mmCIF file of all heavy atoms, coordinates in Angstrom:
data_MODEL
# 
_entry.id   MODEL 
# 
loop_
_atom_site.group_PDB 
_atom_site.id 
_atom_site.type_symbol 
_atom_site.label_atom_id 
_atom_site.label_alt_id 
_atom_site.label_comp_id 
_atom_site.label_asym_id 
_atom_site.label_entity_id 
_atom_site.label_seq_id 
_atom_site.pdbx_PDB_ins_code 
_atom_site.Cartn_x 
_atom_site.Cartn_y 
_atom_site.Cartn_z 
_atom_site.occupancy 
_atom_site.B_iso_or_equiv 
_atom_site.pdbx_formal_charge 
_atom_site.auth_seq_id 
_atom_site.auth_comp_id 
_atom_site.auth_asym_id 
_atom_site.auth_atom_id 
_atom_site.pdbx_PDB_model_num 
ATOM 1   N N   . HIS A 1 1  ? -67.488 -45.299 -25.889 1.00 0.00 ? 1  HIS A N   1 
ATOM 2   C CA  . HIS A 1 1  ? -67.318 -46.765 -26.007 1.00 0.00 ? 1  HIS A CA  1 
ATOM 3   C C   . HIS A 1 1  ? -66.819 -47.357 -24.713 1.00 0.00 ? 1  HIS A C   1 
ATOM 4   O O   . HIS A 1 1  ? -66.085 -46.715 -23.984 1.00 0.00 ? 1  HIS A O   1 
ATOM 5   C CB  . HIS A 1 1  ? -66.334 -47.048 -27.173 1.00 0.00 ? 1  HIS A CB  1 
ATOM 6   C CG  . HIS A 1 1  ? -66.458 -48.422 -27.715 1.00 0.00 ? 1  HIS A CG  1 
ATOM 7   N ND1 . HIS A 1 1  ? -65.997 -49.545 -27.041 1.00 0.00 ? 1  HIS A ND1 1 
ATOM 8   C CD2 . HIS A 1 1  ? -66.994 -48.879 -28.877 1.00 0.00 ? 1  HIS A CD2 1 
ATOM 9   C CE1 . HIS A 1 1  ? -66.210 -50.627 -27.805 1.00 0.00 ? 1  HIS A CE1 1 
ATOM 10  N NE2 . HIS A 1 1  ? -66.804 -50.259 -28.922 1.00 0.00 ? 1  HIS A NE2 1 
ATOM 11  N N   . ILE A 1 2  ? -67.218 -48.577 -24.422 1.00 0.00 ? 2  ILE A N   1 
ATOM 12  C CA  . ILE A 1 2  ? -66.892 -49.157 -23.118 1.00 0.00 ? 2  ILE A CA  1 
ATOM 13  C C   . ILE A 1 2  ? -65.470 -49.675 -23.063 1.00 0.00 ? 2  ILE A C   1 
ATOM 14  O O   . ILE A 1 2  ? -64.900 -49.807 -21.989 1.00 0.00 ? 2  ILE A O   1 
ATOM 15  C CB  . ILE A 1 2  ? -67.895 -50.259 -22.760 1.00 0.00 ? 2  ILE A CB  1 
ATOM 16  C CG1 . ILE A 1 2  ? -67.867 -51.381 -23.800 1.00 0.00 ? 2  ILE A CG1 1 
ATOM 17  C CG2 . ILE A 1 2  ? -69.269 -49.730 -22.533 1.00 0.00 ? 2  ILE A CG2 1 
ATOM 18  C CD1 . ILE A 1 2  ? -68.686 -52.601 -23.334 1.00 0.00 ? 2  ILE A CD1 1 
ATOM 19  N N   . HIS A 1 3  ? -64.880 -50.012 -24.208 1.00 0.00 ? 3  HIS A N   1 
ATOM 20  C CA  . HIS A 1 3  ? -63.501 -50.533 -24.113 1.00 0.00 ? 3  HIS A CA  1 
ATOM 21  C C   . HIS A 1 3  ? -62.610 -50.175 -25.334 1.00 0.00 ? 3  HIS A C   1 
ATOM 22  O O   . HIS A 1 3  ? -61.566 -50.823 -25.512 1.00 0.00 ? 3  HIS A O   1 
ATOM 23  C CB  . HIS A 1 3  ? -63.576 -52.086 -24.038 1.00 0.00 ? 3  HIS A CB  1 
ATOM 24  C CG  . HIS A 1 3  ? -64.250 -52.787 -25.151 1.00 0.00 ? 3  HIS A CG  1 
ATOM 25  N ND1 . HIS A 1 3  ? -65.383 -53.539 -25.017 1.00 0.00 ? 3  HIS A ND1 1 
ATOM 26  C CD2 . HIS A 1 3  ? -63.966 -52.788 -26.498 1.00 0.00 ? 3  HIS A CD2 1 
ATOM 27  C CE1 . HIS A 1 3  ? -65.741 -53.994 -26.189 1.00 0.00 ? 3  HIS A CE1 1 
ATOM 28  N NE2 . HIS A 1 3  ? -64.905 -53.561 -27.114 1.00 0.00 ? 3  HIS A NE2 1 
ATOM 29  N N   . SER A 1 4  ? -62.938 -49.149 -26.081 1.00 0.00 ? 4  SER A N   1 
ATOM 30  C CA  . SER A 1 4  ? -62.131 -48.703 -27.207 1.00 0.00 ? 4  SER A CA  1 
ATOM 31  C C   . SER A 1 4  ? -61.594 -47.281 -27.012 1.00 0.00 ? 4  SER A C   1 
ATOM 32  O O   . SER A 1 4  ? -62.318 -46.453 -26.487 1.00 0.00 ? 4  SER A O   1 
ATOM 33  C CB  . SER A 1 4  ? -62.888 -48.811 -28.520 1.00 0.00 ? 4  SER A CB  1 
ATOM 34  O OG  . SER A 1 4  ? -63.150 -50.189 -28.851 1.00 0.00 ? 4  SER A OG  1 
ATOM 35  N N   . PHE A 1 5  ? -60.346 -47.094 -27.421 1.00 0.00 ? 5  PHE A N   1 
ATOM 36  C CA  . PHE A 1 5  ? -59.666 -45.818 -27.168 1.00 0.00 ? 5  PHE A CA  1 
ATOM 37  C C   . PHE A 1 5  ? -58.949 -45.366 -28.417 1.00 0.00 ? 5  PHE A C   1 
ATOM 38  O O   . PHE A 1 5  ? -58.617 -46.134 -29.309 1.00 0.00 ? 5  PHE A O   1 
ATOM 39  C CB  . PHE A 1 5  ? -58.675 -45.957 -26.019 1.00 0.00 ? 5  PHE A CB  1 
ATOM 40  C CG  . PHE A 1 5  ? -59.343 -46.495 -24.742 1.00 0.00 ? 5  PHE A CG  1 
ATOM 41  C CD1 . PHE A 1 5  ? -59.519 -47.829 -24.521 1.00 0.00 ? 5  PHE A CD1 1 
ATOM 42  C CD2 . PHE A 1 5  ? -59.740 -45.570 -23.771 1.00 0.00 ? 5  PHE A CD2 1 
ATOM 43  C CE1 . PHE A 1 5  ? -60.133 -48.251 -23.347 1.00 0.00 ? 5  PHE A CE1 1 
ATOM 44  C CE2 . PHE A 1 5  ? -60.349 -46.027 -22.609 1.00 0.00 ? 5  PHE A CE2 1 
ATOM 45  C CZ  . PHE A 1 5  ? -60.563 -47.379 -22.411 1.00 0.00 ? 5  PHE A CZ  1 
ATOM 46  N N   . ILE A 1 6  ? -58.669 -44.072 -28.484 1.00 0.00 ? 6  ILE A N   1 
ATOM 47  C CA  . ILE A 1 6  ? -57.893 -43.509 -29.594 1.00 0.00 ? 6  ILE A CA  1 
ATOM 48  C C   . ILE A 1 6  ? -56.797 -42.624 -28.992 1.00 0.00 ? 6  ILE A C   1 
ATOM 49  O O   . ILE A 1 6  ? -56.976 -41.937 -27.962 1.00 0.00 ? 6  ILE A O   1 
ATOM 50  C CB  . ILE A 1 6  ? -58.791 -42.641 -30.542 1.00 0.00 ? 6  ILE A CB  1 
ATOM 51  C CG1 . ILE A 1 6  ? -58.014 -42.134 -31.726 1.00 0.00 ? 6  ILE A CG1 1 
ATOM 52  C CG2 . ILE A 1 6  ? -59.486 -41.500 -29.740 1.00 0.00 ? 6  ILE A CG2 1 
ATOM 53  C CD1 . ILE A 1 6  ? -58.886 -41.447 -32.750 1.00 0.00 ? 6  ILE A CD1 1 
ATOM 54  N N   . CYS A 1 7  ? -55.617 -42.727 -29.550 1.00 0.00 ? 7  CYS A N   1 
ATOM 55  C CA  . CYS A 1 7  ? -54.464 -41.969 -29.107 1.00 0.00 ? 7  CYS A CA  1 
ATOM 56  C C   . CYS A 1 7  ? -54.488 -40.587 -29.791 1.00 0.00 ? 7  CYS A C   1 
ATOM 57  O O   . CYS A 1 7  ? -54.349 -40.522 -30.998 1.00 0.00 ? 7  CYS A O   1 
ATOM 58  C CB  . CYS A 1 7  ? -53.177 -42.699 -29.397 1.00 0.00 ? 7  CYS A CB  1 
ATOM 59  S SG  . CYS A 1 7  ? -51.715 -41.956 -28.583 1.00 0.00 ? 7  CYS A SG  1 
ATOM 60  N N   . VAL A 1 8  ? -54.681 -39.538 -29.028 1.00 0.00 ? 8  VAL A N   1 
ATOM 61  C CA  . VAL A 1 8  ? -54.813 -38.206 -29.571 1.00 0.00 ? 8  VAL A CA  1 
ATOM 62  C C   . VAL A 1 8  ? -53.618 -37.352 -29.113 1.00 0.00 ? 8  VAL A C   1 
ATOM 63  O O   . VAL A 1 8  ? -53.486 -37.054 -27.941 1.00 0.00 ? 8  VAL A O   1 
ATOM 64  C CB  . VAL A 1 8  ? -56.115 -37.542 -29.057 1.00 0.00 ? 8  VAL A CB  1 
ATOM 65  C CG1 . VAL A 1 8  ? -56.285 -36.177 -29.667 1.00 0.00 ? 8  VAL A CG1 1 
ATOM 66  C CG2 . VAL A 1 8  ? -57.338 -38.415 -29.437 1.00 0.00 ? 8  VAL A CG2 1 
ATOM 67  N N   . PRO A 1 9  ? -52.740 -36.957 -30.056 1.00 0.00 ? 9  PRO A N   1 
ATOM 68  C CA  . PRO A 1 9  ? -51.542 -36.242 -29.664 1.00 0.00 ? 9  PRO A CA  1 
ATOM 69  C C   . PRO A 1 9  ? -51.789 -34.742 -29.446 1.00 0.00 ? 9  PRO A C   1 
ATOM 70  O O   . PRO A 1 9  ? -51.362 -33.888 -30.204 1.00 0.00 ? 9  PRO A O   1 
ATOM 71  C CB  . PRO A 1 9  ? -50.633 -36.458 -30.915 1.00 0.00 ? 9  PRO A CB  1 
ATOM 72  C CG  . PRO A 1 9  ? -51.575 -36.580 -32.046 1.00 0.00 ? 9  PRO A CG  1 
ATOM 73  C CD  . PRO A 1 9  ? -52.799 -37.260 -31.499 1.00 0.00 ? 9  PRO A CD  1 
ATOM 74  N N   . ASP A 1 10 ? -52.583 -34.458 -28.382 1.00 0.00 ? 10 ASP A N   1 
ATOM 75  C CA  . ASP A 1 10 ? -52.878 -33.014 -28.128 1.00 0.00 ? 10 ASP A CA  1 
ATOM 76  C C   . ASP A 1 10 ? -52.204 -32.575 -26.811 1.00 0.00 ? 10 ASP A C   1 
ATOM 77  O O   . ASP A 1 10 ? -52.774 -31.879 -26.013 1.00 0.00 ? 10 ASP A O   1 
ATOM 78  C CB  . ASP A 1 10 ? -54.410 -32.796 -28.020 1.00 0.00 ? 10 ASP A CB  1 
ATOM 79  C CG  . ASP A 1 10 ? -55.062 -33.657 -26.977 1.00 0.00 ? 10 ASP A CG  1 
ATOM 80  O OD1 . ASP A 1 10 ? -54.372 -34.533 -26.383 1.00 0.00 ? 10 ASP A OD1 1 
ATOM 81  O OD2 . ASP A 1 10 ? -56.267 -33.479 -26.748 1.00 0.00 ? 10 ASP A OD2 1 
ATOM 82  N N   . GLY A 1 11 ? -50.969 -33.011 -26.639 1.00 0.00 ? 11 GLY A N   1 
ATOM 83  C CA  . GLY A 1 11 ? -50.194 -32.701 -25.446 1.00 0.00 ? 11 GLY A CA  1 
ATOM 84  C C   . GLY A 1 11 ? -50.014 -33.886 -24.568 1.00 0.00 ? 11 GLY A C   1 
ATOM 85  O O   . GLY A 1 11 ? -50.936 -34.679 -24.341 1.00 0.00 ? 11 GLY A O   1 
ATOM 86  N N   . ILE A 1 12 ? -48.817 -34.050 -24.000 1.00 0.00 ? 12 ILE A N   1 
ATOM 87  C CA  . ILE A 1 12 ? -48.529 -35.124 -23.105 1.00 0.00 ? 12 ILE A CA  1 
ATOM 88  C C   . ILE A 1 12 ? -48.432 -34.673 -21.681 1.00 0.00 ? 12 ILE A C   1 
ATOM 89  O O   . ILE A 1 12 ? -47.744 -33.704 -21.357 1.00 0.00 ? 12 ILE A O   1 
ATOM 90  C CB  . ILE A 1 12 ? -47.160 -35.806 -23.514 1.00 0.00 ? 12 ILE A CB  1 
ATOM 91  C CG1 . ILE A 1 12 ? -47.287 -36.391 -24.912 1.00 0.00 ? 12 ILE A CG1 1 
ATOM 92  C CG2 . ILE A 1 12 ? -46.764 -36.878 -22.482 1.00 0.00 ? 12 ILE A CG2 1 
ATOM 93  C CD1 . ILE A 1 12 ? -45.987 -36.987 -25.449 1.00 0.00 ? 12 ILE A CD1 1 
ATOM 94  N N   . ARG A 1 13 ? -49.198 -35.286 -20.823 1.00 0.00 ? 13 ARG A N   1 
ATOM 95  C CA  . ARG A 1 13 ? -49.210 -34.939 -19.427 1.00 0.00 ? 13 ARG A CA  1 
ATOM 96  C C   . ARG A 1 13 ? -48.028 -35.641 -18.728 1.00 0.00 ? 13 ARG A C   1 
ATOM 97  O O   . ARG A 1 13 ? -47.728 -36.803 -18.998 1.00 0.00 ? 13 ARG A O   1 
ATOM 98  C CB  . ARG A 1 13 ? -50.528 -35.400 -18.785 1.00 0.00 ? 13 ARG A CB  1 
ATOM 99  C CG  . ARG A 1 13 ? -50.661 -35.102 -17.312 1.00 0.00 ? 13 ARG A CG  1 
ATOM 100 C CD  . ARG A 1 13 ? -52.007 -35.502 -16.773 1.00 0.00 ? 13 ARG A CD  1 
ATOM 101 N NE  . ARG A 1 13 ? -52.123 -35.347 -15.319 1.00 0.00 ? 13 ARG A NE  1 
ATOM 102 C CZ  . ARG A 1 13 ? -53.205 -35.598 -14.596 1.00 0.00 ? 13 ARG A CZ  1 
ATOM 103 N NH1 . ARG A 1 13 ? -54.276 -36.010 -15.230 1.00 0.00 ? 13 ARG A NH1 1 
ATOM 104 N NH2 . ARG A 1 13 ? -53.206 -35.426 -13.319 1.00 0.00 ? 13 ARG A NH2 1 
ATOM 105 N N   . PHE A 1 14 ? -47.392 -34.957 -17.809 1.00 0.00 ? 14 PHE A N   1 
ATOM 106 C CA  . PHE A 1 14 ? -46.319 -35.530 -17.010 1.00 0.00 ? 14 PHE A CA  1 
ATOM 107 C C   . PHE A 1 14 ? -46.307 -34.920 -15.625 1.00 0.00 ? 14 PHE A C   1 
ATOM 108 O O   . PHE A 1 14 ? -46.951 -33.912 -15.342 1.00 0.00 ? 14 PHE A O   1 
ATOM 109 C CB  . PHE A 1 14 ? -44.956 -35.295 -17.705 1.00 0.00 ? 14 PHE A CB  1 
ATOM 110 C CG  . PHE A 1 14 ? -44.455 -33.877 -17.702 1.00 0.00 ? 14 PHE A CG  1 
ATOM 111 C CD1 . PHE A 1 14 ? -43.679 -33.412 -16.644 1.00 0.00 ? 14 PHE A CD1 1 
ATOM 112 C CD2 . PHE A 1 14 ? -44.786 -33.004 -18.710 1.00 0.00 ? 14 PHE A CD2 1 
ATOM 113 C CE1 . PHE A 1 14 ? -43.279 -32.074 -16.655 1.00 0.00 ? 14 PHE A CE1 1 
ATOM 114 C CE2 . PHE A 1 14 ? -44.349 -31.694 -18.734 1.00 0.00 ? 14 PHE A CE2 1 
ATOM 115 C CZ  . PHE A 1 14 ? -43.579 -31.241 -17.665 1.00 0.00 ? 14 PHE A CZ  1 
ATOM 116 N N   . CYS A 1 15 ? -45.561 -35.562 -14.731 1.00 0.00 ? 15 CYS A N   1 
ATOM 117 C CA  . CYS A 1 15 ? -45.391 -35.024 -13.393 1.00 0.00 ? 15 CYS A CA  1 
ATOM 118 C C   . CYS A 1 15 ? -44.074 -35.518 -12.818 1.00 0.00 ? 15 CYS A C   1 
ATOM 119 O O   . CYS A 1 15 ? -43.444 -36.458 -13.333 1.00 0.00 ? 15 CYS A O   1 
ATOM 120 C CB  . CYS A 1 15 ? -46.548 -35.423 -12.477 1.00 0.00 ? 15 CYS A CB  1 
ATOM 121 S SG  . CYS A 1 15 ? -46.478 -37.156 -11.931 1.00 0.00 ? 15 CYS A SG  1 
ATOM 122 N N   . GLU A 1 16 ? -43.616 -34.817 -11.748 1.00 0.00 ? 16 GLU A N   1 
ATOM 123 C CA  . GLU A 1 16 ? -42.424 -35.216 -11.018 1.00 0.00 ? 16 GLU A CA  1 
ATOM 124 C C   . GLU A 1 16 ? -42.745 -35.127 -9.531  1.00 0.00 ? 16 GLU A C   1 
ATOM 125 O O   . GLU A 1 16 ? -43.445 -34.212 -9.087  1.00 0.00 ? 16 GLU A O   1 
ATOM 126 C CB  . GLU A 1 16 ? -41.216 -34.349 -11.357 1.00 0.00 ? 16 GLU A CB  1 
ATOM 127 C CG  . GLU A 1 16 ? -40.724 -34.449 -12.764 1.00 0.00 ? 16 GLU A CG  1 
ATOM 128 C CD  . GLU A 1 16 ? -39.560 -33.482 -13.056 1.00 0.00 ? 16 GLU A CD  1 
ATOM 129 O OE1 . GLU A 1 16 ? -39.198 -32.735 -12.117 1.00 0.00 ? 16 GLU A OE1 1 
ATOM 130 O OE2 . GLU A 1 16 ? -39.077 -33.445 -14.206 1.00 0.00 ? 16 GLU A OE2 1 
ATOM 131 N N   . ALA A 1 17 ? -42.147 -36.045 -8.775  1.00 0.00 ? 17 ALA A N   1 
ATOM 132 C CA  . ALA A 1 17 ? -42.239 -35.949 -7.301  1.00 0.00 ? 17 ALA A CA  1 
ATOM 133 C C   . ALA A 1 17 ? -40.864 -36.288 -6.769  1.00 0.00 ? 17 ALA A C   1 
ATOM 134 O O   . ALA A 1 17 ? -40.201 -37.187 -7.266  1.00 0.00 ? 17 ALA A O   1 
ATOM 135 C CB  . ALA A 1 17 ? -43.273 -36.909 -6.742  1.00 0.00 ? 17 ALA A CB  1 
ATOM 136 N N   . GLU A 1 18 ? -40.411 -35.482 -5.795  1.00 0.00 ? 18 GLU A N   1 
ATOM 137 C CA  . GLU A 1 18 ? -39.110 -35.763 -5.190  1.00 0.00 ? 18 GLU A CA  1 
ATOM 138 C C   . GLU A 1 18 ? -39.110 -35.467 -3.730  1.00 0.00 ? 18 GLU A C   1 
ATOM 139 O O   . GLU A 1 18 ? -39.891 -34.632 -3.246  1.00 0.00 ? 18 GLU A O   1 
ATOM 140 C CB  . GLU A 1 18 ? -38.001 -34.915 -5.900  1.00 0.00 ? 18 GLU A CB  1 
ATOM 141 C CG  . GLU A 1 18 ? -38.212 -33.424 -5.853  1.00 0.00 ? 18 GLU A CG  1 
ATOM 142 C CD  . GLU A 1 18 ? -37.103 -32.709 -6.598  1.00 0.00 ? 18 GLU A CD  1 
ATOM 143 O OE1 . GLU A 1 18 ? -36.332 -33.340 -7.301  1.00 0.00 ? 18 GLU A OE1 1 
ATOM 144 O OE2 . GLU A 1 18 ? -37.064 -31.457 -6.460  1.00 0.00 ? 18 GLU A OE2 1 
ATOM 145 N N   . GLN A 1 19 ? -38.286 -36.217 -3.010  1.00 0.00 ? 19 GLN A N   1 
ATOM 146 C CA  . GLN A 1 19 ? -38.263 -36.072 -1.546  1.00 0.00 ? 19 GLN A CA  1 
ATOM 147 C C   . GLN A 1 19 ? -36.909 -36.397 -1.017  1.00 0.00 ? 19 GLN A C   1 
ATOM 148 O O   . GLN A 1 19 ? -36.329 -37.444 -1.413  1.00 0.00 ? 19 GLN A O   1 
ATOM 149 C CB  . GLN A 1 19 ? -39.376 -36.927 -0.890  1.00 0.00 ? 19 GLN A CB  1 
ATOM 150 C CG  . GLN A 1 19 ? -39.522 -36.694 0.584   1.00 0.00 ? 19 GLN A CG  1 
ATOM 151 C CD  . GLN A 1 19 ? -40.709 -37.477 1.162   1.00 0.00 ? 19 GLN A CD  1 
ATOM 152 O OE1 . GLN A 1 19 ? -41.222 -38.371 0.504   1.00 0.00 ? 19 GLN A OE1 1 
ATOM 153 N NE2 . GLN A 1 19 ? -41.100 -37.084 2.375   1.00 0.00 ? 19 GLN A NE2 1 
ATOM 154 N N   . CYS A 1 20 ? -36.445 -35.606 -0.084  1.00 0.00 ? 20 CYS A N   1 
ATOM 155 C CA  . CYS A 1 20 ? -35.252 -35.963 0.729   1.00 0.00 ? 20 CYS A CA  1 
ATOM 156 C C   . CYS A 1 20 ? -35.746 -36.490 2.051   1.00 0.00 ? 20 CYS A C   1 
ATOM 157 O O   . CYS A 1 20 ? -36.793 -36.091 2.544   1.00 0.00 ? 20 CYS A O   1 
ATOM 158 C CB  . CYS A 1 20 ? -34.370 -34.745 0.907   1.00 0.00 ? 20 CYS A CB  1 
ATOM 159 S SG  . CYS A 1 20 ? -33.521 -34.150 -0.532  1.00 0.00 ? 20 CYS A SG  1 
ATOM 160 N N   . ARG A 1 21 ? -34.943 -37.396 2.655   1.00 0.00 ? 21 ARG A N   1 
ATOM 161 C CA  . ARG A 1 21 ? -35.306 -37.890 3.971   1.00 0.00 ? 21 ARG A CA  1 
ATOM 162 C C   . ARG A 1 21 ? -35.398 -36.750 4.952   1.00 0.00 ? 21 ARG A C   1 
ATOM 163 O O   . ARG A 1 21 ? -34.551 -35.884 4.989   1.00 0.00 ? 21 ARG A O   1 
ATOM 164 C CB  . ARG A 1 21 ? -34.321 -38.929 4.400   1.00 0.00 ? 21 ARG A CB  1 
ATOM 165 C CG  . ARG A 1 21 ? -34.732 -39.666 5.683   1.00 0.00 ? 21 ARG A CG  1 
ATOM 166 C CD  . ARG A 1 21 ? -33.932 -40.930 5.874   1.00 0.00 ? 21 ARG A CD  1 
ATOM 167 N NE  . ARG A 1 21 ? -34.218 -41.944 4.834   1.00 0.00 ? 21 ARG A NE  1 
ATOM 168 C CZ  . ARG A 1 21 ? -35.307 -42.719 4.807   1.00 0.00 ? 21 ARG A CZ  1 
ATOM 169 N NH1 . ARG A 1 21 ? -36.194 -42.579 5.756   1.00 0.00 ? 21 ARG A NH1 1 
ATOM 170 N NH2 . ARG A 1 21 ? -35.466 -43.590 3.852   1.00 0.00 ? 21 ARG A NH2 1 
ATOM 171 N N   . ASN A 1 22 ? -36.516 -36.721 5.680   1.00 0.00 ? 22 ASN A N   1 
ATOM 172 C CA  . ASN A 1 22 ? -36.797 -35.666 6.682   1.00 0.00 ? 22 ASN A CA  1 
ATOM 173 C C   . ASN A 1 22 ? -37.043 -34.328 6.024   1.00 0.00 ? 22 ASN A C   1 
ATOM 174 O O   . ASN A 1 22 ? -37.022 -33.282 6.650   1.00 0.00 ? 22 ASN A O   1 
ATOM 175 C CB  . ASN A 1 22 ? -35.639 -35.509 7.677   1.00 0.00 ? 22 ASN A CB  1 
ATOM 176 C CG  . ASN A 1 22 ? -35.387 -36.752 8.461   1.00 0.00 ? 22 ASN A CG  1 
ATOM 177 O OD1 . ASN A 1 22 ? -36.273 -37.480 8.816   1.00 0.00 ? 22 ASN A OD1 1 
ATOM 178 N ND2 . ASN A 1 22 ? -34.082 -37.068 8.684   1.00 0.00 ? 22 ASN A ND2 1 
ATOM 179 N N   . GLY A 1 23 ? -37.314 -34.357 4.688   1.00 0.00 ? 23 GLY A N   1 
ATOM 180 C CA  . GLY A 1 23 ? -37.643 -33.140 3.973   1.00 0.00 ? 23 GLY A CA  1 
ATOM 181 C C   . GLY A 1 23 ? -39.053 -33.211 3.402   1.00 0.00 ? 23 GLY A C   1 
ATOM 182 O O   . GLY A 1 23 ? -39.711 -34.240 3.429   1.00 0.00 ? 23 GLY A O   1 
ATOM 183 N N   . PRO A 1 24 ? -39.508 -32.093 2.837   1.00 0.00 ? 24 PRO A N   1 
ATOM 184 C CA  . PRO A 1 24 ? -40.880 -32.025 2.319   1.00 0.00 ? 24 PRO A CA  1 
ATOM 185 C C   . PRO A 1 24 ? -40.984 -32.775 0.982   1.00 0.00 ? 24 PRO A C   1 
ATOM 186 O O   . PRO A 1 24 ? -39.996 -32.870 0.244   1.00 0.00 ? 24 PRO A O   1 
ATOM 187 C CB  . PRO A 1 24 ? -41.156 -30.533 2.131   1.00 0.00 ? 24 PRO A CB  1 
ATOM 188 C CG  . PRO A 1 24 ? -39.805 -29.946 1.899   1.00 0.00 ? 24 PRO A CG  1 
ATOM 189 C CD  . PRO A 1 24 ? -38.824 -30.775 2.751   1.00 0.00 ? 24 PRO A CD  1 
ATOM 190 N N   . LEU A 1 25 ? -42.148 -33.290 0.694   1.00 0.00 ? 25 LEU A N   1 
ATOM 191 C CA  . LEU A 1 25 ? -42.437 -33.850 -0.611  1.00 0.00 ? 25 LEU A CA  1 
ATOM 192 C C   . LEU A 1 25 ? -42.765 -32.730 -1.558  1.00 0.00 ? 25 LEU A C   1 
ATOM 193 O O   . LEU A 1 25 ? -43.642 -31.899 -1.302  1.00 0.00 ? 25 LEU A O   1 
ATOM 194 C CB  . LEU A 1 25 ? -43.600 -34.839 -0.492  1.00 0.00 ? 25 LEU A CB  1 
ATOM 195 C CG  . LEU A 1 25 ? -44.074 -35.489 -1.815  1.00 0.00 ? 25 LEU A CG  1 
ATOM 196 C CD1 . LEU A 1 25 ? -43.023 -36.443 -2.337  1.00 0.00 ? 25 LEU A CD1 1 
ATOM 197 C CD2 . LEU A 1 25 ? -45.380 -36.232 -1.588  1.00 0.00 ? 25 LEU A CD2 1 
ATOM 198 N N   . VAL A 1 26 ? -42.053 -32.698 -2.690  1.00 0.00 ? 26 VAL A N   1 
ATOM 199 C CA  . VAL A 1 26 ? -42.251 -31.621 -3.687  1.00 0.00 ? 26 VAL A CA  1 
ATOM 200 C C   . VAL A 1 26 ? -42.844 -32.269 -4.963  1.00 0.00 ? 26 VAL A C   1 
ATOM 201 O O   . VAL A 1 26 ? -42.321 -33.290 -5.457  1.00 0.00 ? 26 VAL A O   1 
ATOM 202 C CB  . VAL A 1 26 ? -40.897 -30.969 -4.024  1.00 0.00 ? 26 VAL A CB  1 
ATOM 203 C CG1 . VAL A 1 26 ? -41.107 -29.831 -5.026  1.00 0.00 ? 26 VAL A CG1 1 
ATOM 204 C CG2 . VAL A 1 26 ? -40.283 -30.376 -2.764  1.00 0.00 ? 26 VAL A CG2 1 
ATOM 205 N N   . VAL A 1 27 ? -43.933 -31.675 -5.445  1.00 0.00 ? 27 VAL A N   1 
ATOM 206 C CA  . VAL A 1 27 ? -44.643 -32.202 -6.644  1.00 0.00 ? 27 VAL A CA  1 
ATOM 207 C C   . VAL A 1 27 ? -44.665 -31.156 -7.719  1.00 0.00 ? 27 VAL A C   1 
ATOM 208 O O   . VAL A 1 27 ? -44.989 -29.989 -7.443  1.00 0.00 ? 27 VAL A O   1 
ATOM 209 C CB  . VAL A 1 27 ? -46.039 -32.649 -6.259  1.00 0.00 ? 27 VAL A CB  1 
ATOM 210 C CG1 . VAL A 1 27 ? -46.749 -33.195 -7.487  1.00 0.00 ? 27 VAL A CG1 1 
ATOM 211 C CG2 . VAL A 1 27 ? -45.985 -33.747 -5.188  1.00 0.00 ? 27 VAL A CG2 1 
ATOM 212 N N   . PHE A 1 28 ? -44.282 -31.583 -8.920  1.00 0.00 ? 28 PHE A N   1 
ATOM 213 C CA  . PHE A 1 28 ? -44.368 -30.771 -10.098 1.00 0.00 ? 28 PHE A CA  1 
ATOM 214 C C   . PHE A 1 28 ? -45.313 -31.466 -11.089 1.00 0.00 ? 28 PHE A C   1 
ATOM 215 O O   . PHE A 1 28 ? -45.440 -32.711 -11.070 1.00 0.00 ? 28 PHE A O   1 
ATOM 216 C CB  . PHE A 1 28 ? -43.016 -30.585 -10.817 1.00 0.00 ? 28 PHE A CB  1 
ATOM 217 C CG  . PHE A 1 28 ? -41.999 -29.945 -9.958  1.00 0.00 ? 28 PHE A CG  1 
ATOM 218 C CD1 . PHE A 1 28 ? -41.207 -30.737 -9.120  1.00 0.00 ? 28 PHE A CD1 1 
ATOM 219 C CD2 . PHE A 1 28 ? -41.793 -28.608 -9.968  1.00 0.00 ? 28 PHE A CD2 1 
ATOM 220 C CE1 . PHE A 1 28 ? -40.219 -30.180 -8.325  1.00 0.00 ? 28 PHE A CE1 1 
ATOM 221 C CE2 . PHE A 1 28 ? -40.815 -28.000 -9.146  1.00 0.00 ? 28 PHE A CE2 1 
ATOM 222 C CZ  . PHE A 1 28 ? -40.003 -28.800 -8.350  1.00 0.00 ? 28 PHE A CZ  1 
ATOM 223 N N   . ALA A 1 29 ? -45.966 -30.709 -11.940 1.00 0.00 ? 29 ALA A N   1 
ATOM 224 C CA  . ALA A 1 29 ? -46.779 -31.320 -13.000 1.00 0.00 ? 29 ALA A CA  1 
ATOM 225 C C   . ALA A 1 29 ? -46.630 -30.461 -14.266 1.00 0.00 ? 29 ALA A C   1 
ATOM 226 O O   . ALA A 1 29 ? -46.116 -29.340 -14.203 1.00 0.00 ? 29 ALA A O   1 
ATOM 227 C CB  . ALA A 1 29 ? -48.257 -31.437 -12.605 1.00 0.00 ? 29 ALA A CB  1 
# 
């Protein structure tokens, strides 16, 4: 469908990103 959606509770995606000044960017998912 071009504009209709269904909410399917088959797991929730998430991520985290953190960085200290002058430090590396760290990414979790």
